[in-house]
């Protein structure tokens, strides 16, 4: 899921977000939440 982190960084830097990219970000957030719940918040962040 490294690409999720990359995308978030680009968005923070002000890169325009296409609808396609926005969908991916939503998916990433969902995955982060799911993984975080399973792992007890120990992650790569």
C-alpha atoms as a PDB file:
ATOM      1  CA  UNK A   1       0.000   0.000   0.000  1.00  0.00           C
ATOM      2  CA  UNK A   2       2.956   2.312  -0.480  1.00  0.00           C
ATOM      3  CA  UNK A   3       1.223   4.037  -3.373  1.00  0.00           C
ATOM      4  CA  UNK A   4      -1.451   5.239  -0.921  1.00  0.00           C
ATOM      5  CA  UNK A   5       1.158   7.104   1.082  1.00  0.00           C
ATOM      6  CA  UNK A   6       2.611   8.564  -2.101  1.00  0.00           C
ATOM      7  CA  UNK A   7      -0.802   9.776  -3.201  1.00  0.00           C
ATOM      8  CA  UNK A   8      -1.508  11.393   0.143  1.00  0.00           C
ATOM      9  CA  UNK A   9       1.809  13.204  -0.021  1.00  0.00           C
ATOM     10  CA  UNK A  10       1.046  14.528  -3.510  1.00  0.00           C
ATOM     11  CA  UNK A  11      -2.364  15.742  -2.352  1.00  0.00           C
ATOM     12  CA  UNK A  12      -0.785  17.508   0.636  1.00  0.00           C
ATOM     13  CA  UNK A  13       1.579  19.225  -1.795  1.00  0.00           C
ATOM     14  CA  UNK A  14      -1.402  20.560  -3.735  1.00  0.00           C
ATOM     15  CA  UNK A  15      -1.447  18.197  -6.719  1.00  0.00           C
ATOM     16  CA  UNK A  16      -4.861  18.309  -8.444  1.00  0.00           C
ATOM     17  CA  UNK A  17      -6.912  15.198  -7.673  1.00  0.00           C
ATOM     18  CA  UNK A  18      -8.748  13.522 -10.536  1.00  0.00           C
ATOM     19  CA  UNK A  19     -12.008  11.678  -9.795  1.00  0.00           C
ATOM     20  CA  UNK A  20     -10.138   8.432 -10.434  1.00  0.00           C
ATOM     21  CA  UNK A  21      -7.443   9.383  -7.929  1.00  0.00           C
ATOM     22  CA  UNK A  22     -10.093  10.432  -5.423  1.00  0.00           C
ATOM     23  CA  UNK A  23     -11.663   6.981  -5.693  1.00  0.00           C
ATOM     24  CA  UNK A  24      -8.307   5.389  -5.008  1.00  0.00           C
ATOM     25  CA  UNK A  25      -7.749   7.629  -1.980  1.00  0.00           C
ATOM     26  CA  UNK A  26     -11.147   6.623  -0.599  1.00  0.00           C
ATOM     27  CA  UNK A  27     -10.211   2.975  -1.129  1.00  0.00           C
ATOM     28  CA  UNK A  28      -6.883   3.549   0.617  1.00  0.00           C
ATOM     29  CA  UNK A  29      -8.568   5.183   3.585  1.00  0.00           C
ATOM     30  CA  UNK A  30     -10.947   2.246   3.840  1.00  0.00           C
ATOM     31  CA  UNK A  31      -8.070  -0.221   3.670  1.00  0.00           C
ATOM     32  CA  UNK A  32      -6.079   1.742   6.260  1.00  0.00           C
ATOM     33  CA  UNK A  33      -9.050   1.647   8.606  1.00  0.00           C
ATOM     34  CA  UNK A  34      -9.602  -2.065   8.087  1.00  0.00           C
ATOM     35  CA  UNK A  35      -5.935  -2.956   8.481  1.00  0.00           C
ATOM     36  CA  UNK A  36      -5.532  -0.648  11.475  1.00  0.00           C
ATOM     37  CA  UNK A  37      -8.446  -2.293  13.245  1.00  0.00           C
ATOM     38  CA  UNK A  38      -6.912  -5.732  12.693  1.00  0.00           C
ATOM     39  CA  UNK A  39      -3.368  -4.786  13.660  1.00  0.00           C
ATOM     40  CA  UNK A  40      -4.190  -2.629  16.648  1.00  0.00           C
ATOM     41  CA  UNK A  41      -2.793   0.543  15.114  1.00  0.00           C
ATOM     42  CA  UNK A  42       0.749  -0.659  14.556  1.00  0.00           C
ATOM     43  CA  UNK A  43       1.489   0.274  10.971  1.00  0.00           C
ATOM     44  CA  UNK A  44       4.030   1.829   8.646  1.00  0.00           C
ATOM     45  CA  UNK A  45       2.956   5.367   9.573  1.00  0.00           C
END
